[in-house]
Amino acid sequence: MAEGNGVYRLIRANGDTLRTFICECYAFGVAEYMETVAQLGHLNAVIINSAWCGYSPDARRHCRDDNVGLFRIGEFMGALHSDEYWAYLTDQEAKYFGERGWL
């Protein structure tokens, strides 16, 4: 269900609803996340929907610490069926986070 301004409410098979922002930001960082939440309110997930765009590791960590998922579209599809969808990491991210003591 569309709310507007790129925000959608996605109802998962388990019955919970994820308030999700779909973005085409070229480089999504912590500042962009904070600005987005200030403008749109609480979010459960942010999806970067372009193959040319991405997010910083710091933004991913910041969102993850807030129990908010920050994903590229393929990552979001992988995380959707997990109760702790916001904690989903690719193998590469898990290695990166682990090396820095972020897990």
N, C-alpha and C. Protein backbone atom coordinates (compact mmCIF):
# COMPACT_ATOMS: atom_id res chain seq x y z
N MET A 1 0.85 -1.17 0.00
CA MET A 1 0.00 0.00 0.00
C MET A 1 0.90 1.24 0.00
N ALA A 2 0.69 2.12 -0.94
CA ALA A 2 1.50 3.33 -1.06
C ALA A 2 0.98 4.42 -0.13
N GLU A 3 1.92 5.06 0.58
CA GLU A 3 1.58 6.23 1.41
C GLU A 3 1.89 7.51 0.67
N GLY A 4 2.87 7.46 -0.23
CA GLY A 4 3.35 8.64 -0.93
C GLY A 4 4.78 8.96 -0.51
N ASN A 5 5.43 9.82 -1.28
CA ASN A 5 6.81 10.23 -1.01
C ASN A 5 7.78 9.05 -0.96
N GLY A 6 7.48 7.97 -1.70
CA GLY A 6 8.35 6.81 -1.73
C GLY A 6 8.17 5.86 -0.56
N VAL A 7 7.15 6.07 0.26
CA VAL A 7 6.89 5.23 1.43
C VAL A 7 5.76 4.25 1.11
N TYR A 8 6.01 2.99 1.47
CA TYR A 8 5.03 1.92 1.26
C TYR A 8 4.88 1.12 2.53
N ARG A 9 3.69 0.61 2.75
CA ARG A 9 3.44 -0.32 3.86
C ARG A 9 3.36 -1.71 3.25
N LEU A 10 4.31 -2.57 3.64
CA LEU A 10 4.36 -3.94 3.14
C LEU A 10 3.90 -4.89 4.24
N ILE A 11 2.88 -5.67 3.95
CA ILE A 11 2.38 -6.64 4.92
C ILE A 11 3.03 -7.98 4.62
N ARG A 12 3.77 -8.49 5.60
CA ARG A 12 4.46 -9.76 5.41
C ARG A 12 3.53 -10.93 5.71
N ALA A 13 3.91 -12.12 5.27
CA ALA A 13 3.11 -13.33 5.46
C ALA A 13 2.82 -13.60 6.93
N ASN A 14 3.73 -13.18 7.83
CA ASN A 14 3.52 -13.41 9.27
C ASN A 14 2.55 -12.39 9.88
N GLY A 15 2.10 -11.42 9.07
CA GLY A 15 1.09 -10.46 9.52
C GLY A 15 1.62 -9.11 9.95
N ASP A 16 2.94 -8.98 10.16
CA ASP A 16 3.44 -7.66 10.54
C ASP A 16 3.56 -6.76 9.32
N THR A 17 3.62 -5.47 9.57
CA THR A 17 3.69 -4.48 8.50
C THR A 17 5.01 -3.73 8.59
N LEU A 18 5.68 -3.62 7.45
CA LEU A 18 6.94 -2.87 7.38
C LEU A 18 6.70 -1.56 6.66
N ARG A 19 6.97 -0.48 7.34
CA ARG A 19 6.90 0.85 6.71
C ARG A 19 8.24 1.06 6.01
N THR A 20 8.20 1.08 4.69
CA THR A 20 9.40 1.00 3.87
C THR A 20 9.53 2.20 2.94
N PHE A 21 10.72 2.76 2.89
CA PHE A 21 11.04 3.86 1.99
C PHE A 21 11.88 3.32 0.84
N ILE A 22 11.44 3.57 -0.37
CA ILE A 22 12.17 3.14 -1.56
C ILE A 22 12.83 4.37 -2.16
N CYS A 23 14.14 4.27 -2.32
CA CYS A 23 14.95 5.43 -2.66
C CYS A 23 15.86 5.15 -3.85
N GLU A 24 16.18 6.17 -4.60
CA GLU A 24 17.16 6.08 -5.68
C GLU A 24 18.35 6.99 -5.39
N CYS A 25 18.72 7.06 -4.13
CA CYS A 25 19.85 7.89 -3.72
C CYS A 25 21.14 7.30 -4.26
N TYR A 26 22.00 8.12 -4.81
CA TYR A 26 23.25 7.61 -5.36
C TYR A 26 24.13 7.04 -4.26
N ALA A 27 24.29 7.76 -3.18
CA ALA A 27 25.12 7.32 -2.05
C ALA A 27 24.36 7.63 -0.76
N PHE A 28 23.80 6.61 -0.14
CA PHE A 28 22.98 6.77 1.05
C PHE A 28 23.86 6.57 2.28
N GLY A 29 24.00 7.62 3.07
CA GLY A 29 24.82 7.57 4.28
C GLY A 29 23.99 7.83 5.52
N VAL A 30 24.65 7.94 6.65
CA VAL A 30 23.97 8.18 7.92
C VAL A 30 23.20 9.49 7.88
N ALA A 31 23.80 10.54 7.32
CA ALA A 31 23.12 11.85 7.25
C ALA A 31 21.85 11.75 6.42
N GLU A 32 21.89 11.02 5.31
CA GLU A 32 20.69 10.86 4.47
C GLU A 32 19.62 10.08 5.22
N TYR A 33 20.04 9.07 5.98
CA TYR A 33 19.08 8.31 6.77
C TYR A 33 18.40 9.20 7.81
N MET A 34 19.20 9.97 8.53
CA MET A 34 18.64 10.84 9.58
C MET A 34 17.70 11.89 8.98
N GLU A 35 18.08 12.44 7.84
CA GLU A 35 17.23 13.42 7.15
C GLU A 35 15.92 12.77 6.68
N THR A 36 16.01 11.57 6.16
CA THR A 36 14.83 10.86 5.68
C THR A 36 13.85 10.58 6.82
N VAL A 37 14.36 10.12 7.95
CA VAL A 37 13.50 9.84 9.10
C VAL A 37 12.90 11.13 9.65
N ALA A 38 13.68 12.21 9.64
CA ALA A 38 13.15 13.50 10.11
C ALA A 38 11.99 13.95 9.23
N GLN A 39 12.07 13.68 7.94
CA GLN A 39 11.02 14.10 7.00
C GLN A 39 9.83 13.15 6.96
N LEU A 40 10.11 11.83 7.07
CA LEU A 40 9.06 10.84 6.84
C LEU A 40 8.58 10.12 8.09
N GLY A 41 9.30 10.27 9.20
CA GLY A 41 8.94 9.54 10.41
C GLY A 41 9.59 8.17 10.45
N HIS A 42 9.21 7.39 11.45
CA HIS A 42 9.80 6.07 11.67
C HIS A 42 9.65 5.18 10.44
N LEU A 43 10.72 4.47 10.12
CA LEU A 43 10.73 3.50 9.03
C LEU A 43 11.23 2.17 9.56
N ASN A 44 10.77 1.09 8.94
CA ASN A 44 11.28 -0.23 9.26
C ASN A 44 12.37 -0.67 8.29
N ALA A 45 12.32 -0.11 7.07
CA ALA A 45 13.31 -0.49 6.07
C ALA A 45 13.48 0.63 5.05
N VAL A 46 14.70 0.69 4.51
CA VAL A 46 15.03 1.59 3.41
C VAL A 46 15.59 0.71 2.30
N ILE A 47 15.06 0.85 1.11
CA ILE A 47 15.51 0.05 -0.02
C ILE A 47 16.11 0.97 -1.07
N ILE A 48 17.35 0.69 -1.43
CA ILE A 48 18.01 1.40 -2.53
C ILE A 48 17.68 0.58 -3.77
N ASN A 49 16.88 1.14 -4.67
CA ASN A 49 16.34 0.31 -5.74
C ASN A 49 17.07 0.41 -7.07
N SER A 50 18.22 0.99 -7.12
CA SER A 50 18.96 1.09 -8.37
C SER A 50 20.28 0.34 -8.24
N ALA A 51 20.64 -0.38 -9.28
CA ALA A 51 21.91 -1.12 -9.28
C ALA A 51 23.10 -0.17 -9.24
N TRP A 52 22.91 1.08 -9.63
CA TRP A 52 23.99 2.06 -9.67
C TRP A 52 24.19 2.78 -8.35
N CYS A 53 23.28 2.58 -7.44
CA CYS A 53 23.31 3.32 -6.17
C CYS A 53 23.66 2.37 -5.02
N GLY A 54 23.98 2.94 -3.87
CA GLY A 54 24.34 2.10 -2.74
C GLY A 54 24.28 2.86 -1.43
N TYR A 55 24.84 2.25 -0.41
CA TYR A 55 24.86 2.84 0.93
C TYR A 55 26.23 2.61 1.53
N SER A 56 26.56 3.42 2.53
CA SER A 56 27.85 3.28 3.20
C SER A 56 27.76 2.19 4.27
N PRO A 57 28.88 1.56 4.59
CA PRO A 57 28.88 0.59 5.69
C PRO A 57 28.42 1.22 7.01
N ASP A 58 28.79 2.47 7.24
CA ASP A 58 28.36 3.15 8.46
C ASP A 58 26.85 3.32 8.51
N ALA A 59 26.24 3.63 7.36
CA ALA A 59 24.79 3.76 7.32
C ALA A 59 24.13 2.42 7.59
N ARG A 60 24.69 1.37 7.02
CA ARG A 60 24.15 0.02 7.23
C ARG A 60 24.22 -0.33 8.72
N ARG A 61 25.35 -0.04 9.34
CA ARG A 61 25.51 -0.34 10.77
C ARG A 61 24.56 0.51 11.61
N HIS A 62 24.47 1.80 11.31
CA HIS A 62 23.60 2.70 12.06
C HIS A 62 22.15 2.22 12.00
N CYS A 63 21.68 1.92 10.81
CA CYS A 63 20.31 1.44 10.65
C CYS A 63 20.10 0.11 11.37
N ARG A 64 21.05 -0.78 11.20
CA ARG A 64 20.97 -2.11 11.84
C ARG A 64 20.88 -1.95 13.36
N ASP A 65 21.66 -1.04 13.92
CA ASP A 65 21.62 -0.79 15.36
C ASP A 65 20.27 -0.24 15.81
N ASP A 66 19.56 0.43 14.89
CA ASP A 66 18.22 0.97 15.18
C ASP A 66 17.11 -0.01 14.80
N ASN A 67 17.48 -1.25 14.45
CA ASN A 67 16.52 -2.27 13.99
C ASN A 67 15.76 -1.82 12.75
N VAL A 68 16.47 -1.12 11.88
CA VAL A 68 15.93 -0.68 10.59
C VAL A 68 16.77 -1.34 9.51
N GLY A 69 16.11 -1.97 8.57
CA GLY A 69 16.84 -2.60 7.47
C GLY A 69 17.24 -1.58 6.43
N LEU A 70 18.47 -1.66 5.96
CA LEU A 70 18.96 -0.83 4.85
C LEU A 70 19.49 -1.80 3.82
N PHE A 71 18.88 -1.82 2.64
CA PHE A 71 19.17 -2.85 1.66
C PHE A 71 19.19 -2.33 0.24
N ARG A 72 19.90 -3.05 -0.61
CA ARG A 72 19.65 -3.00 -2.04
C ARG A 72 18.46 -3.94 -2.26
N ILE A 73 17.80 -3.84 -3.39
CA ILE A 73 16.55 -4.59 -3.59
C ILE A 73 16.75 -6.09 -3.43
N GLY A 74 17.82 -6.65 -3.96
CA GLY A 74 18.06 -8.09 -3.83
C GLY A 74 18.28 -8.52 -2.39
N GLU A 75 18.98 -7.70 -1.63
CA GLU A 75 19.21 -7.98 -0.21
C GLU A 75 17.89 -7.98 0.56
N PHE A 76 17.03 -7.03 0.22
CA PHE A 76 15.72 -6.95 0.87
C PHE A 76 14.93 -8.23 0.64
N MET A 77 14.97 -8.74 -0.57
CA MET A 77 14.26 -9.99 -0.87
C MET A 77 14.81 -11.13 -0.03
N GLY A 78 16.12 -11.15 0.20
CA GLY A 78 16.72 -12.18 1.04
C GLY A 78 16.35 -12.04 2.51
N ALA A 79 16.12 -10.82 2.95
CA ALA A 79 15.86 -10.55 4.37
C ALA A 79 14.39 -10.68 4.75
N LEU A 80 13.50 -10.58 3.80
CA LEU A 80 12.06 -10.50 4.08
C LEU A 80 11.50 -11.62 4.94
N HIS A 81 12.02 -12.81 4.81
CA HIS A 81 11.44 -13.95 5.53
C HIS A 81 12.04 -14.17 6.91
N SER A 82 12.94 -13.30 7.31
CA SER A 82 13.56 -13.41 8.63
C SER A 82 12.81 -12.54 9.64
N ASP A 83 12.64 -13.05 10.84
CA ASP A 83 12.02 -12.24 11.89
C ASP A 83 12.84 -10.99 12.17
N GLU A 84 14.16 -11.14 12.14
CA GLU A 84 15.07 -10.01 12.35
C GLU A 84 15.64 -9.57 11.00
N TYR A 85 14.74 -9.15 10.13
CA TYR A 85 15.10 -8.77 8.75
C TYR A 85 16.19 -7.70 8.73
N TRP A 86 16.18 -6.79 9.69
CA TRP A 86 17.14 -5.69 9.73
C TRP A 86 18.58 -6.18 9.95
N ALA A 87 18.74 -7.37 10.49
CA ALA A 87 20.06 -7.90 10.80
C ALA A 87 20.68 -8.67 9.63
N TYR A 88 19.93 -8.84 8.54
CA TYR A 88 20.43 -9.58 7.39
C TYR A 88 21.70 -8.94 6.84
N LEU A 89 22.70 -9.77 6.60
CA LEU A 89 23.94 -9.31 6.00
C LEU A 89 24.34 -10.26 4.88
N THR A 90 24.91 -9.72 3.83
CA THR A 90 25.51 -10.57 2.81
C THR A 90 26.77 -11.20 3.42
N ASP A 91 27.31 -12.20 2.78
CA ASP A 91 28.54 -12.81 3.29
C ASP A 91 29.66 -11.79 3.36
N GLN A 92 29.75 -10.95 2.36
CA GLN A 92 30.80 -9.91 2.32
C GLN A 92 30.63 -8.92 3.47
N GLU A 93 29.39 -8.51 3.72
CA GLU A 93 29.12 -7.59 4.83
C GLU A 93 29.41 -8.24 6.17
N ALA A 94 29.05 -9.50 6.33
CA ALA A 94 29.31 -10.20 7.59
C ALA A 94 30.81 -10.24 7.86
N LYS A 95 31.59 -10.48 6.84
CA LYS A 95 33.04 -10.49 7.01
C LYS A 95 33.54 -9.10 7.40
N TYR A 96 33.09 -8.07 6.68
CA TYR A 96 33.49 -6.68 6.94
C TYR A 96 33.11 -6.26 8.36
N PHE A 97 31.86 -6.53 8.75
CA PHE A 97 31.39 -6.17 10.09
C PHE A 97 32.17 -6.94 11.15
N GLY A 98 32.38 -8.23 10.91
CA GLY A 98 33.11 -9.05 11.87
C GLY A 98 34.54 -8.56 12.08
N GLU A 99 35.21 -8.18 11.00
CA GLU A 99 36.59 -7.68 11.11
C GLU A 99 36.67 -6.41 11.93
N ARG A 100 35.60 -5.66 11.99
CA ARG A 100 35.59 -4.40 12.73
C ARG A 100 34.95 -4.53 14.11
N GLY A 101 34.54 -5.73 14.47
CA GLY A 101 33.93 -5.95 15.77
C GLY A 101 32.52 -5.41 15.88
N TRP A 102 31.84 -5.27 14.75
CA TRP A 102 30.49 -4.70 14.74
C TRP A 102 29.39 -5.75 14.95
N LEU A 103 29.76 -7.00 15.03
CA LEU A 103 28.74 -8.04 15.20
C LEU A 103 28.66 -8.48 16.65
